[in-house]
Amino acid sequence: MAVDPDFIDHVRDLFSGLGPLRTGRMFSGIAVYAEEDAMFAMITASQTIYMKTDAACQAAYLAAGATPFTYTRKTGARQVTSLMTLPDAALDDPDEALIWARLSLPAARAAAAEKRRTKARRRK
């Protein structure tokens, strides 16, 4: 199942305060990028928004009731704790959504920087 284009537009509007956003395919969903290559959010086909997290911001997400991205493999369920649901209060509130997006940006920037370093090492 694909992500509903109207929901992608809603997410773009929700986070428009970050400036220009770019989207791309990720798993069976859509990755949302700010600042060129900082993937700060993911949208699933079930219209769930997951935000990039790290040790510095994960506790805030958990305190707000967020849950980690979970998927199932033959060996069982797996959790990706670096992606947490956008808290419900922010789903229709751009101001609240921006607070969470800005909290996620440092983790997204760090992941993007590591990805660039890995690509550079492979090219050598």
PDB file of N, CA and C in Angstrom:
ATOM      1  N   MET A   1       0.844  -1.169   0.000  1.00  0.00           N
ATOM      2  CA  MET A   1       0.000   0.000   0.000  1.00  0.00           C
ATOM      3  C   MET A   1       0.899   1.245   0.000  1.00  0.00           C
ATOM      4  N   ALA A   2       0.557   2.188  -0.810  1.00  0.00           N
ATOM      5  CA  ALA A   2       1.347   3.423  -0.927  1.00  0.00           C
ATOM      6  C   ALA A   2       0.840   4.476   0.053  1.00  0.00           C
ATOM      7  N   VAL A   3       1.684   5.458   0.301  1.00  0.00           N
ATOM      8  CA  VAL A   3       1.303   6.568   1.162  1.00  0.00           C
ATOM      9  C   VAL A   3       0.380   7.496   0.372  1.00  0.00           C
ATOM     10  N   ASP A   4      -0.714   7.890   0.989  1.00  0.00           N
ATOM     11  CA  ASP A   4      -1.705   8.765   0.374  1.00  0.00           C
ATOM     12  C   ASP A   4      -1.069  10.124   0.058  1.00  0.00           C
ATOM     13  N   PRO A   5      -1.105  10.552  -1.212  1.00  0.00           N
ATOM     14  CA  PRO A   5      -0.505  11.843  -1.583  1.00  0.00           C
ATOM     15  C   PRO A   5      -1.078  13.028  -0.788  1.00  0.00           C
ATOM     16  N   ASP A   6      -2.368  12.970  -0.438  1.00  0.00           N
ATOM     17  CA  ASP A   6      -2.961  14.046   0.359  1.00  0.00           C
ATOM     18  C   ASP A   6      -2.335  14.098   1.751  1.00  0.00           C
ATOM     19  N   PHE A   7      -2.003  12.914   2.297  1.00  0.00           N
ATOM     20  CA  PHE A   7      -1.371  12.895   3.616  1.00  0.00           C
ATOM     21  C   PHE A   7       0.057  13.440   3.527  1.00  0.00           C
ATOM     22  N   ILE A   8       0.750  13.147   2.439  1.00  0.00           N
ATOM     23  CA  ILE A   8       2.091  13.711   2.235  1.00  0.00           C
ATOM     24  C   ILE A   8       2.004  15.235   2.203  1.00  0.00           C
ATOM     25  N   ASP A   9       1.011  15.767   1.511  1.00  0.00           N
ATOM     26  CA  ASP A   9       0.810  17.222   1.466  1.00  0.00           C
ATOM     27  C   ASP A   9       0.539  17.777   2.866  1.00  0.00           C
ATOM     28  N   HIS A  10      -0.259  17.044   3.648  1.00  0.00           N
ATOM     29  CA  HIS A  10      -0.545  17.467   5.027  1.00  0.00           C
ATOM     30  C   HIS A  10       0.746  17.538   5.837  1.00  0.00           C
ATOM     31  N   VAL A  11       1.602  16.532   5.698  1.00  0.00           N
ATOM     32  CA  VAL A  11       2.868  16.498   6.438  1.00  0.00           C
ATOM     33  C   VAL A  11       3.765  17.645   5.988  1.00  0.00           C
ATOM     34  N   ARG A  12       3.812  17.899   4.699  1.00  0.00           N
ATOM     35  CA  ARG A  12       4.607  19.032   4.194  1.00  0.00           C
ATOM     36  C   ARG A  12       4.116  20.350   4.802  1.00  0.00           C
ATOM     37  N   ASP A  13       2.799  20.515   4.876  1.00  0.00           N
ATOM     38  CA  ASP A  13       2.229  21.719   5.486  1.00  0.00           C
ATOM     39  C   ASP A  13       2.561  21.781   6.977  1.00  0.00           C
ATOM     40  N   LEU A  14       2.457  20.643   7.632  1.00  0.00           N
ATOM     41  CA  LEU A  14       2.712  20.557   9.073  1.00  0.00           C
ATOM     42  C   LEU A  14       4.124  21.030   9.419  1.00  0.00           C
ATOM     43  N   PHE A  15       5.091  20.659   8.585  1.00  0.00           N
ATOM     44  CA  PHE A  15       6.498  20.981   8.855  1.00  0.00           C
ATOM     45  C   PHE A  15       7.045  22.102   7.973  1.00  0.00           C
ATOM     46  N   SER A  16       6.175  22.848   7.313  1.00  0.00           N
ATOM     47  CA  SER A  16       6.630  23.871   6.369  1.00  0.00           C
ATOM     48  C   SER A  16       7.473  24.955   7.037  1.00  0.00           C
ATOM     49  N   GLY A  17       7.323  25.138   8.323  1.00  0.00           N
ATOM     50  CA  GLY A  17       8.109  26.134   9.040  1.00  0.00           C
ATOM     51  C   GLY A  17       9.594  25.831   9.084  1.00  0.00           C
ATOM     52  N   LEU A  18       9.979  24.611   8.703  1.00  0.00           N
ATOM     53  CA  LEU A  18      11.401  24.254   8.659  1.00  0.00           C
ATOM     54  C   LEU A  18      12.086  24.769   7.400  1.00  0.00           C
ATOM     55  N   GLY A  19      11.299  25.224   6.444  1.00  0.00           N
ATOM     56  CA  GLY A  19      11.869  25.651   5.167  1.00  0.00           C
ATOM     57  C   GLY A  19      11.620  24.587   4.114  1.00  0.00           C
ATOM     58  N   PRO A  20      12.391  24.621   3.026  1.00  0.00           N
ATOM     59  CA  PRO A  20      12.171  23.657   1.946  1.00  0.00           C
ATOM     60  C   PRO A  20      12.340  22.218   2.438  1.00  0.00           C
ATOM     61  N   LEU A  21      11.385  21.380   2.052  1.00  0.00           N
ATOM     62  CA  LEU A  21      11.423  19.965   2.412  1.00  0.00           C
ATOM     63  C   LEU A  21      11.507  19.131   1.141  1.00  0.00           C
ATOM     64  N   ARG A  22      12.114  17.982   1.274  1.00  0.00           N
ATOM     65  CA  ARG A  22      12.219  17.035   0.165  1.00  0.00           C
ATOM     66  C   ARG A  22      11.721  15.693   0.678  1.00  0.00           C
ATOM     67  N   THR A  23      11.088  14.922  -0.190  1.00  0.00           N
ATOM     68  CA  THR A  23      10.644  13.584   0.179  1.00  0.00           C
ATOM     69  C   THR A  23      11.301  12.554  -0.728  1.00  0.00           C
ATOM     70  N   GLY A  24      11.367  11.343  -0.237  1.00  0.00           N
ATOM     71  CA  GLY A  24      11.918  10.238  -1.014  1.00  0.00           C
ATOM     72  C   GLY A  24      11.390   8.926  -0.456  1.00  0.00           C
ATOM     73  N   ARG A  25      11.512   7.874  -1.228  1.00  0.00           N
ATOM     74  CA  ARG A  25      11.028   6.563  -0.792  1.00  0.00           C
ATOM     75  C   ARG A  25      11.888   6.022   0.344  1.00  0.00           C
ATOM     76  N   MET A  26      11.225   5.350   1.278  1.00  0.00           N
ATOM     77  CA  MET A  26      11.920   4.707   2.393  1.00  0.00           C
ATOM     78  C   MET A  26      11.064   3.527   2.827  1.00  0.00           C
ATOM     79  N   PHE A  27      11.630   2.327   2.752  1.00  0.00           N
ATOM     80  CA  PHE A  27      10.862   1.112   3.017  1.00  0.00           C
ATOM     81  C   PHE A  27       9.599   1.180   2.161  1.00  0.00           C
ATOM     82  N   SER A  28       8.430   0.996   2.749  1.00  0.00           N
ATOM     83  CA  SER A  28       7.197   1.134   1.981  1.00  0.00           C
ATOM     84  C   SER A  28       6.549   2.480   2.273  1.00  0.00           C
ATOM     85  N   GLY A  29       7.345   3.414   2.767  1.00  0.00           N
ATOM     86  CA  GLY A  29       6.839   4.729   3.115  1.00  0.00           C
ATOM     87  C   GLY A  29       7.605   5.832   2.431  1.00  0.00           C
ATOM     88  N   ILE A  30       7.562   6.993   3.054  1.00  0.00           N
ATOM     89  CA  ILE A  30       8.185   8.193   2.515  1.00  0.00           C
ATOM     90  C   ILE A  30       9.072   8.821   3.584  1.00  0.00           C
ATOM     91  N   ALA A  31      10.300   9.146   3.221  1.00  0.00           N
ATOM     92  CA  ALA A  31      11.204   9.875   4.109  1.00  0.00           C
ATOM     93  C   ALA A  31      11.022  11.362   3.849  1.00  0.00           C
ATOM     94  N   VAL A  32      11.107  12.155   4.905  1.00  0.00           N
ATOM     95  CA  VAL A  32      10.976  13.605   4.790  1.00  0.00           C
ATOM     96  C   VAL A  32      12.304  14.228   5.230  1.00  0.00           C
ATOM     97  N   TYR A  33      12.886  15.025   4.329  1.00  0.00           N
ATOM     98  CA  TYR A  33      14.204  15.613   4.550  1.00  0.00           C
ATOM     99  C   TYR A  33      14.111  17.127   4.674  1.00  0.00           C
ATOM    100  N   ALA A  34      14.906  17.670   5.567  1.00  0.00           N
ATOM    101  CA  ALA A  34      15.118  19.115   5.684  1.00  0.00           C
ATOM    102  C   ALA A  34      16.605  19.340   5.469  1.00  0.00           C
ATOM    103  N   GLU A  35      16.971  20.557   5.156  1.00  0.00           N
ATOM    104  CA  GLU A  35      18.395  20.898   5.001  1.00  0.00           C
ATOM    105  C   GLU A  35      19.107  19.941   4.046  1.00  0.00           C
ATOM    106  N   GLU A  36      18.500  19.676   2.922  1.00  0.00           N
ATOM    107  CA  GLU A  36      19.055  18.819   1.875  1.00  0.00           C
ATOM    108  C   GLU A  36      18.988  17.334   2.200  1.00  0.00           C
ATOM    109  N   ASP A  37      19.753  16.875   3.229  1.00  0.00           N
ATOM    110  CA  ASP A  37      19.862  15.439   3.442  1.00  0.00           C
ATOM    111  C   ASP A  37      19.585  14.971   4.869  1.00  0.00           C
ATOM    112  N   ALA A  38      18.977  15.807   5.684  1.00  0.00           N
ATOM    113  CA  ALA A  38      18.678  15.432   7.064  1.00  0.00           C
ATOM    114  C   ALA A  38      17.266  14.835   7.134  1.00  0.00           C
ATOM    115  N   MET A  39      17.185  13.501   7.162  1.00  0.00           N
ATOM    116  CA  MET A  39      15.911  12.787   7.215  1.00  0.00           C
ATOM    117  C   MET A  39      15.393  12.859   8.654  1.00  0.00           C
ATOM    118  N   PHE A  40      14.424  13.739   8.887  1.00  0.00           N
ATOM    119  CA  PHE A  40      13.932  13.946  10.246  1.00  0.00           C
ATOM    120  C   PHE A  40      12.600  13.264  10.508  1.00  0.00           C
ATOM    121  N   ALA A  41      11.932  12.779   9.451  1.00  0.00           N
ATOM    122  CA  ALA A  41      10.632  12.127   9.627  1.00  0.00           C
ATOM    123  C   ALA A  41      10.416  11.066   8.558  1.00  0.00           C
ATOM    124  N   MET A  42       9.550  10.120   8.885  1.00  0.00           N
ATOM    125  CA  MET A  42       9.147   9.077   7.941  1.00  0.00           C
ATOM    126  C   MET A  42       7.632   8.938   8.032  1.00  0.00           C
ATOM    127  N   ILE A  43       6.999   8.776   6.877  1.00  0.00           N
ATOM    128  CA  ILE A  43       5.556   8.580   6.818  1.00  0.00           C
ATOM    129  C   ILE A  43       5.309   7.157   6.343  1.00  0.00           C
ATOM    130  N   THR A  44       4.471   6.422   7.064  1.00  0.00           N
ATOM    131  CA  THR A  44       4.143   5.058   6.645  1.00  0.00           C
ATOM    132  C   THR A  44       2.836   5.053   5.852  1.00  0.00           C
ATOM    133  N   ALA A  45       2.592   3.945   5.177  1.00  0.00           N
ATOM    134  CA  ALA A  45       1.360   3.803   4.405  1.00  0.00           C
ATOM    135  C   ALA A  45       0.128   3.878   5.307  1.00  0.00           C
ATOM    136  N   SER A  46       0.283   3.562   6.577  1.00  0.00           N
ATOM    137  CA  SER A  46      -0.843   3.646   7.518  1.00  0.00           C
ATOM    138  C   SER A  46      -1.057   5.078   8.029  1.00  0.00           C
ATOM    139  N   GLN A  47      -0.348   6.037   7.424  1.00  0.00           N
ATOM    140  CA  GLN A  47      -0.435   7.451   7.762  1.00  0.00           C
ATOM    141  C   GLN A  47       0.028   7.729   9.194  1.00  0.00           C
ATOM    142  N   THR A  48       1.100   7.074   9.561  1.00  0.00           N
ATOM    143  CA  THR A  48       1.754   7.331  10.837  1.00  0.00           C
ATOM    144  C   THR A  48       3.032   8.094  10.536  1.00  0.00           C
ATOM    145  N   ILE A  49       3.288   9.121  11.332  1.00  0.00           N
ATOM    146  CA  ILE A  49       4.501   9.920  11.175  1.00  0.00           C
ATOM    147  C   ILE A  49       5.479   9.504  12.265  1.00  0.00           C
ATOM    148  N   TYR A  50       6.662   9.089  11.846  1.00  0.00           N
ATOM    149  CA  TYR A  50       7.735   8.740  12.771  1.00  0.00           C
ATOM    150  C   TYR A  50       8.819   9.800  12.664  1.00  0.00           C
ATOM    151  N   MET A  51       9.351  10.193  13.808  1.00  0.00           N
ATOM    152  CA  MET A  51      10.367  11.229  13.877  1.00  0.00           C
ATOM    153  C   MET A  51      11.720  10.624  14.232  1.00  0.00           C
ATOM    154  N   LYS A  52      12.789  11.167  13.662  1.00  0.00           N
ATOM    155  CA  LYS A  52      14.149  10.712  13.961  1.00  0.00           C
ATOM    156  C   LYS A  52      14.483  11.060  15.404  1.00  0.00           C
ATOM    157  N   THR A  53      15.057  10.104  16.131  1.00  0.00           N
ATOM    158  CA  THR A  53      15.430  10.354  17.516  1.00  0.00           C
ATOM    159  C   THR A  53      16.817   9.798  17.803  1.00  0.00           C
ATOM    160  N   ASP A  54      17.362  10.250  18.911  1.00  0.00           N
ATOM    161  CA  ASP A  54      18.619   9.713  19.427  1.00  0.00           C
ATOM    162  C   ASP A  54      18.516   9.728  20.950  1.00  0.00           C
ATOM    163  N   ALA A  55      19.577   9.382  21.623  1.00  0.00           N
ATOM    164  CA  ALA A  55      19.559   9.308  23.081  1.00  0.00           C
ATOM    165  C   ALA A  55      19.193  10.647  23.717  1.00  0.00           C
ATOM    166  N   ALA A  56      19.549  11.750  23.064  1.00  0.00           N
ATOM    167  CA  ALA A  56      19.306  13.072  23.629  1.00  0.00           C
ATOM    168  C   ALA A  56      17.827  13.454  23.644  1.00  0.00           C
ATOM    169  N   CYS A  57      17.048  12.970  22.694  1.00  0.00           N
ATOM    170  CA  CYS A  57      15.648  13.405  22.624  1.00  0.00           C
ATOM    171  C   CYS A  57      14.633  12.276  22.812  1.00  0.00           C
ATOM    172  N   GLN A  58      15.103  11.063  22.877  1.00  0.00           N
ATOM    173  CA  GLN A  58      14.178   9.933  22.973  1.00  0.00           C
ATOM    174  C   GLN A  58      13.285   9.996  24.214  1.00  0.00           C
ATOM    175  N   ALA A  59      13.839  10.404  25.348  1.00  0.00           N
ATOM    176  CA  ALA A  59      13.050  10.471  26.584  1.00  0.00           C
ATOM    177  C   ALA A  59      11.869  11.441  26.440  1.00  0.00           C
ATOM    178  N   ALA A  60      12.069  12.546  25.747  1.00  0.00           N
ATOM    179  CA  ALA A  60      10.983  13.510  25.544  1.00  0.00           C
ATOM    180  C   ALA A  60       9.864  12.880  24.717  1.00  0.00           C
ATOM    181  N   TYR A  61      10.231  12.136  23.697  1.00  0.00           N
ATOM    182  CA  TYR A  61       9.217  11.455  22.888  1.00  0.00           C
ATOM    183  C   TYR A  61       8.462  10.427  23.719  1.00  0.00           C
ATOM    184  N   LEU A  62       9.184   9.618  24.477  1.00  0.00           N
ATOM    185  CA  LEU A  62       8.539   8.608  25.313  1.00  0.00           C
ATOM    186  C   LEU A  62       7.611   9.245  26.335  1.00  0.00           C
ATOM    187  N   ALA A  63       8.039  10.346  26.932  1.00  0.00           N
ATOM    188  CA  ALA A  63       7.212  11.042  27.919  1.00  0.00           C
ATOM    189  C   ALA A  63       5.922  11.580  27.303  1.00  0.00           C
ATOM    190  N   ALA A  64       5.960  11.885  26.010  1.00  0.00           N
ATOM    191  CA  ALA A  64       4.778  12.394  25.305  1.00  0.00           C
ATOM    192  C   ALA A  64       3.899  11.264  24.759  1.00  0.00           C
ATOM    193  N   GLY A  65       4.272  10.016  25.049  1.00  0.00           N
ATOM    194  CA  GLY A  65       3.464   8.876  24.616  1.00  0.00           C
ATOM    195  C   GLY A  65       3.833   8.296  23.267  1.00  0.00           C
ATOM    196  N   ALA A  66       4.957   8.708  22.703  1.00  0.00           N
ATOM    197  CA  ALA A  66       5.393   8.191  21.406  1.00  0.00           C
ATOM    198  C   ALA A  66       5.832   6.734  21.539  1.00  0.00           C
ATOM    199  N   THR A  67       5.750   6.021  20.433  1.00  0.00           N
ATOM    200  CA  THR A  67       6.185   4.620  20.396  1.00  0.00           C
ATOM    201  C   THR A  67       7.167   4.427  19.247  1.00  0.00           C
ATOM    202  N   PRO A  68       8.072   3.455  19.380  1.00  0.00           N
ATOM    203  CA  PRO A  68       9.055   3.242  18.312  1.00  0.00           C
ATOM    204  C   PRO A  68       8.452   2.579  17.082  1.00  0.00           C
ATOM    205  N   PHE A  69       9.106   2.807  15.951  1.00  0.00           N
ATOM    206  CA  PHE A  69       8.744   2.133  14.704  1.00  0.00           C
ATOM    207  C   PHE A  69       8.986   0.640  14.907  1.00  0.00           C
ATOM    208  N   THR A  70       8.015  -0.178  14.558  1.00  0.00           N
ATOM    209  CA  THR A  70       8.118  -1.622  14.723  1.00  0.00           C
ATOM    210  C   THR A  70       7.728  -2.297  13.411  1.00  0.00           C
ATOM    211  N   TYR A  71       8.476  -3.317  13.053  1.00  0.00           N
ATOM    212  CA  TYR A  71       8.132  -4.114  11.877  1.00  0.00           C
ATOM    213  C   TYR A  71       8.369  -5.578  12.209  1.00  0.00           C
ATOM    214  N   THR A  72       7.798  -6.459  11.408  1.00  0.00           N
ATOM    215  CA  THR A  72       7.886  -7.886  11.673  1.00  0.00           C
ATOM    216  C   THR A  72       8.688  -8.583  10.587  1.00  0.00           C
ATOM    217  N   ARG A  73       9.567  -9.465  11.030  1.00  0.00           N
ATOM    218  CA  ARG A  73      10.343 -10.323  10.131  1.00  0.00           C
ATOM    219  C   ARG A  73      10.040 -11.763  10.500  1.00  0.00           C
ATOM    220  N   LYS A  74      10.575 -12.681   9.755  1.00  0.00           N
ATOM    221  CA  LYS A  74      10.368 -14.101  10.059  1.00  0.00           C
ATOM    222  C   LYS A  74      10.837 -14.439  11.469  1.00  0.00           C
ATOM    223  N   THR A  75      11.864 -13.743  11.928  1.00  0.00           N
ATOM    224  CA  THR A  75      12.430 -14.006  13.253  1.00  0.00           C
ATOM    225  C   THR A  75      11.690 -13.262  14.363  1.00  0.00           C
ATOM    226  N   GLY A  76      10.660 -12.499  14.020  1.00  0.00           N
ATOM    227  CA  GLY A  76       9.875 -11.792  15.026  1.00  0.00           C
ATOM    228  C   GLY A  76       9.843 -10.296  14.816  1.00  0.00           C
ATOM    229  N   ALA A  77       9.232  -9.616  15.767  1.00  0.00           N
ATOM    230  CA  ALA A  77       9.090  -8.160  15.686  1.00  0.00           C
ATOM    231  C   ALA A  77      10.406  -7.474  16.015  1.00  0.00           C
ATOM    232  N   ARG A  78      10.669  -6.402  15.316  1.00  0.00           N
ATOM    233  CA  ARG A  78      11.863  -5.586  15.550  1.00  0.00           C
ATOM    234  C   ARG A  78      11.432  -4.150  15.802  1.00  0.00           C
ATOM    235  N   GLN A  79      12.093  -3.515  16.747  1.00  0.00           N
ATOM    236  CA  GLN A  79      11.834  -2.106  17.028  1.00  0.00           C
ATOM    237  C   GLN A  79      13.014  -1.268  16.562  1.00  0.00           C
ATOM    238  N   VAL A  80      12.701  -0.130  15.960  1.00  0.00           N
ATOM    239  CA  VAL A  80      13.716   0.829  15.540  1.00  0.00           C
ATOM    240  C   VAL A  80      13.516   2.046  16.443  1.00  0.00           C
ATOM    241  N   THR A  81      14.309   2.117  17.505  1.00  0.00           N
ATOM    242  CA  THR A  81      14.116   3.184  18.483  1.00  0.00           C
ATOM    243  C   THR A  81      14.619   4.539  18.000  1.00  0.00           C
ATOM    244  N   SER A  82      15.274   4.569  16.853  1.00  0.00           N
ATOM    245  CA  SER A  82      15.698   5.856  16.303  1.00  0.00           C
ATOM    246  C   SER A  82      14.578   6.519  15.497  1.00  0.00           C
ATOM    247  N   LEU A  83      13.411   5.888  15.458  1.00  0.00           N
ATOM    248  CA  LEU A  83      12.220   6.468  14.844  1.00  0.00           C
ATOM    249  C   LEU A  83      11.057   6.300  15.819  1.00  0.00           C
ATOM    250  N   MET A  84      10.519   7.425  16.301  1.00  0.00           N
ATOM    251  CA  MET A  84       9.421   7.409  17.258  1.00  0.00           C
ATOM    252  C   MET A  84       8.231   8.156  16.667  1.00  0.00           C
ATOM    253  N   THR A  85       7.022   7.722  17.020  1.00  0.00           N
ATOM    254  CA  THR A  85       5.831   8.390  16.492  1.00  0.00           C
ATOM    255  C   THR A  85       5.790   9.860  16.913  1.00  0.00           C
ATOM    256  N   LEU A  86       5.272  10.671  16.013  1.00  0.00           N
ATOM    257  CA  LEU A  86       5.019  12.070  16.346  1.00  0.00           C
ATOM    258  C   LEU A  86       3.902  12.087  17.383  1.00  0.00           C
ATOM    259  N   PRO A  87       4.085  12.750  18.518  1.00  0.00           N
ATOM    260  CA  PRO A  87       3.024  12.779  19.527  1.00  0.00           C
ATOM    261  C   PRO A  87       1.698  13.276  18.946  1.00  0.00           C
ATOM    262  N   ASP A  88       0.611  12.681  19.410  1.00  0.00           N
ATOM    263  CA  ASP A  88      -0.724  12.976  18.886  1.00  0.00           C
ATOM    264  C   ASP A  88      -1.060  14.465  18.893  1.00  0.00           C
ATOM    265  N   ALA A  89      -0.625  15.180  19.920  1.00  0.00           N
ATOM    266  CA  ALA A  89      -0.943  16.607  20.031  1.00  0.00           C
ATOM    267  C   ALA A  89      -0.395  17.414  18.859  1.00  0.00           C
ATOM    268  N   ALA A  90       0.592  16.881  18.164  1.00  0.00           N
ATOM    269  CA  ALA A  90       1.230  17.615  17.069  1.00  0.00           C
ATOM    270  C   ALA A  90       0.686  17.245  15.692  1.00  0.00           C
ATOM    271  N   LEU A  91      -0.176  16.269  15.613  1.00  0.00           N
ATOM    272  CA  LEU A  91      -0.624  15.780  14.305  1.00  0.00           C
ATOM    273  C   LEU A  91      -1.369  16.813  13.468  1.00  0.00           C
ATOM    274  N   ASP A  92      -2.048  17.746  14.107  1.00  0.00           N
ATOM    275  CA  ASP A  92      -2.788  18.779  13.382  1.00  0.00           C
ATOM    276  C   ASP A  92      -2.420  20.182  13.842  1.00  0.00           C
ATOM    277  N   ASP A  93      -1.283  20.314  14.509  1.00  0.00           N
ATOM    278  CA  ASP A  93      -0.858  21.599  15.042  1.00  0.00           C
ATOM    279  C   ASP A  93       0.555  21.911  14.547  1.00  0.00           C
ATOM    280  N   PRO A  94       0.680  22.741  13.504  1.00  0.00           N
ATOM    281  CA  PRO A  94       2.001  23.038  12.946  1.00  0.00           C
ATOM    282  C   PRO A  94       2.994  23.605  13.963  1.00  0.00           C
ATOM    283  N   ASP A  95       2.521  24.411  14.894  1.00  0.00           N
ATOM    284  CA  ASP A  95       3.433  24.970  15.901  1.00  0.00           C
ATOM    285  C   ASP A  95       4.005  23.860  16.786  1.00  0.00           C
ATOM    286  N   GLU A  96       3.142  22.965  17.223  1.00  0.00           N
ATOM    287  CA  GLU A  96       3.578  21.830  18.049  1.00  0.00           C
ATOM    288  C   GLU A  96       4.463  20.880  17.229  1.00  0.00           C
ATOM    289  N   ALA A  97       4.078  20.642  15.981  1.00  0.00           N
ATOM    290  CA  ALA A  97       4.866  19.752  15.117  1.00  0.00           C
ATOM    291  C   ALA A  97       6.277  20.304  14.916  1.00  0.00           C
ATOM    292  N   LEU A  98       6.398  21.622  14.777  1.00  0.00           N
ATOM    293  CA  LEU A  98       7.717  22.238  14.596  1.00  0.00           C
ATOM    294  C   LEU A  98       8.605  22.062  15.823  1.00  0.00           C
ATOM    295  N   ILE A  99       7.998  22.101  17.001  1.00  0.00           N
ATOM    296  CA  ILE A  99       8.774  21.867  18.227  1.00  0.00           C
ATOM    297  C   ILE A  99       9.417  20.483  18.165  1.00  0.00           C
ATOM    298  N   TRP A 100       8.634  19.478  17.775  1.00  0.00           N
ATOM    299  CA  TRP A 100       9.147  18.109  17.704  1.00  0.00           C
ATOM    300  C   TRP A 100      10.146  17.949  16.560  1.00  0.00           C
ATOM    301  N   ALA A 101       9.866  18.593  15.439  1.00  0.00           N
ATOM    302  CA  ALA A 101      10.796  18.504  14.312  1.00  0.00           C
ATOM    303  C   ALA A 101      12.148  19.110  14.680  1.00  0.00           C
ATOM    304  N   ARG A 102      12.123  20.253  15.342  1.00  0.00           N
ATOM    305  CA  ARG A 102      13.389  20.888  15.752  1.00  0.00           C
ATOM    306  C   ARG A 102      14.123  20.047  16.789  1.00  0.00           C
ATOM    307  N   LEU A 103      13.378  19.315  17.610  1.00  0.00           N
ATOM    308  CA  LEU A 103      13.998  18.408  18.567  1.00  0.00           C
ATOM    309  C   LEU A 103      14.669  17.240  17.839  1.00  0.00           C
ATOM    310  N   SER A 104      14.099  16.829  16.714  1.00  0.00           N
ATOM    311  CA  SER A 104      14.630  15.708  15.935  1.00  0.00           C
ATOM    312  C   SER A 104      15.772  16.091  14.997  1.00  0.00           C
ATOM    313  N   LEU A 105      15.878  17.355  14.656  1.00  0.00           N
ATOM    314  CA  LEU A 105      16.888  17.769  13.677  1.00  0.00           C
ATOM    315  C   LEU A 105      18.330  17.436  14.059  1.00  0.00           C
ATOM    316  N   PRO A 106      18.756  17.607  15.304  1.00  0.00           N
ATOM    317  CA  PRO A 106      20.146  17.223  15.621  1.00  0.00           C
ATOM    318  C   PRO A 106      20.438  15.748  15.338  1.00  0.00           C
ATOM    319  N   ALA A 107      19.501  14.869  15.667  1.00  0.00           N
ATOM    320  CA  ALA A 107      19.682  13.446  15.372  1.00  0.00           C
ATOM    321  C   ALA A 107      19.718  13.212  13.863  1.00  0.00           C
ATOM    322  N   ALA A 108      18.863  13.917  13.134  1.00  0.00           N
ATOM    323  CA  ALA A 108      18.832  13.784  11.674  1.00  0.00           C
ATOM    324  C   ALA A 108      20.119  14.298  11.051  1.00  0.00           C
ATOM    325  N   ARG A 109      20.614  15.423  11.551  1.00  0.00           N
ATOM    326  CA  ARG A 109      21.880  15.973  11.032  1.00  0.00           C
ATOM    327  C   ARG A 109      23.038  15.020  11.293  1.00  0.00           C
ATOM    328  N   ALA A 110      23.082  14.455  12.490  1.00  0.00           N
ATOM    329  CA  ALA A 110      24.169  13.522  12.837  1.00  0.00           C
ATOM    330  C   ALA A 110      24.116  12.286  11.954  1.00  0.00           C
ATOM    331  N   ALA A 111      22.931  11.749  11.716  1.00  0.00           N
ATOM    332  CA  ALA A 111      22.793  10.575  10.858  1.00  0.00           C
ATOM    333  C   ALA A 111      23.198  10.895   9.423  1.00  0.00           C
ATOM    334  N   ALA A 112      22.827  12.080   8.944  1.00  0.00           N
ATOM    335  CA  ALA A 112      23.199  12.491   7.584  1.00  0.00           C
ATOM    336  C   ALA A 112      24.706  12.658   7.464  1.00  0.00           C
ATOM    337  N   ALA A 113      25.327  13.239   8.480  1.00  0.00           N
ATOM    338  CA  ALA A 113      26.783  13.417   8.455  1.00  0.00           C
ATOM    339  C   ALA A 113      27.491  12.070   8.443  1.00  0.00           C
ATOM    340  N   GLU A 114      27.008  11.135   9.235  1.00  0.00           N
ATOM    341  CA  GLU A 114      27.607   9.793   9.255  1.00  0.00           C
ATOM    342  C   GLU A 114      27.436   9.105   7.903  1.00  0.00           C
ATOM    343  N   LYS A 115      26.292   9.274   7.289  1.00  0.00           N
ATOM    344  CA  LYS A 115      26.050   8.684   5.968  1.00  0.00           C
ATOM    345  C   LYS A 115      27.012   9.279   4.930  1.00  0.00           C
ATOM    346  N   ARG A 116      27.232  10.602   4.999  1.00  0.00           N
ATOM    347  CA  ARG A 116      28.181  11.235   4.078  1.00  0.00           C
ATOM    348  C   ARG A 116      29.593  10.703   4.301  1.00  0.00           C
ATOM    349  N   ARG A 117      30.008  10.539   5.576  1.00  0.00           N
ATOM    350  CA  ARG A 117      31.343  10.006   5.876  1.00  0.00           C
ATOM    351  C   ARG A 117      31.496   8.583   5.350  1.00  0.00           C
ATOM    352  N   THR A 118      30.476   7.765   5.536  1.00  0.00           N
ATOM    353  CA  THR A 118      30.522   6.379   5.056  1.00  0.00           C
ATOM    354  C   THR A 118      30.645   6.338   3.539  1.00  0.00           C
ATOM    355  N   LYS A 119      29.883   7.163   2.846  1.00  0.00           N
ATOM    356  CA  LYS A 119      29.969   7.210   1.379  1.00  0.00           C
ATOM    357  C   LYS A 119      31.350   7.667   0.930  1.00  0.00           C
ATOM    358  N   ALA A 120      31.924   8.644   1.622  1.00  0.00           N
ATOM    359  CA  ALA A 120      33.247   9.142   1.268  1.00  0.00           C
ATOM    360  C   ALA A 120      34.306   8.057   1.448  1.00  0.00           C
ATOM    361  N   ARG A 121      34.205   7.284   2.540  1.00  0.00           N
ATOM    362  CA  ARG A 121      35.161   6.182   2.766  1.00  0.00           C
ATOM    363  C   ARG A 121      35.039   5.122   1.678  1.00  0.00           C
ATOM    364  N   ARG A 122      33.850   4.831   1.254  1.00  0.00           N
ATOM    365  CA  ARG A 122      33.638   3.805   0.210  1.00  0.00           C
ATOM    366  C   ARG A 122      34.227   4.259  -1.126  1.00  0.00           C
ATOM    367  N   ARG A 123      34.168   5.552  -1.390  1.00  0.00           N
ATOM    368  CA  ARG A 123      34.698   6.071  -2.649  1.00  0.00           C
ATOM    369  C   ARG A 123      36.213   5.981  -2.704  1.00  0.00           C
ATOM    370  N   LYS A 124      36.873   5.967  -1.553  1.00  0.00           N
ATOM    371  CA  LYS A 124      38.348   5.937  -1.525  1.00  0.00           C
ATOM    372  C   LYS A 124      38.878   4.613  -1.878  1.00  0.00           C
TER     373      LYS A 124
END
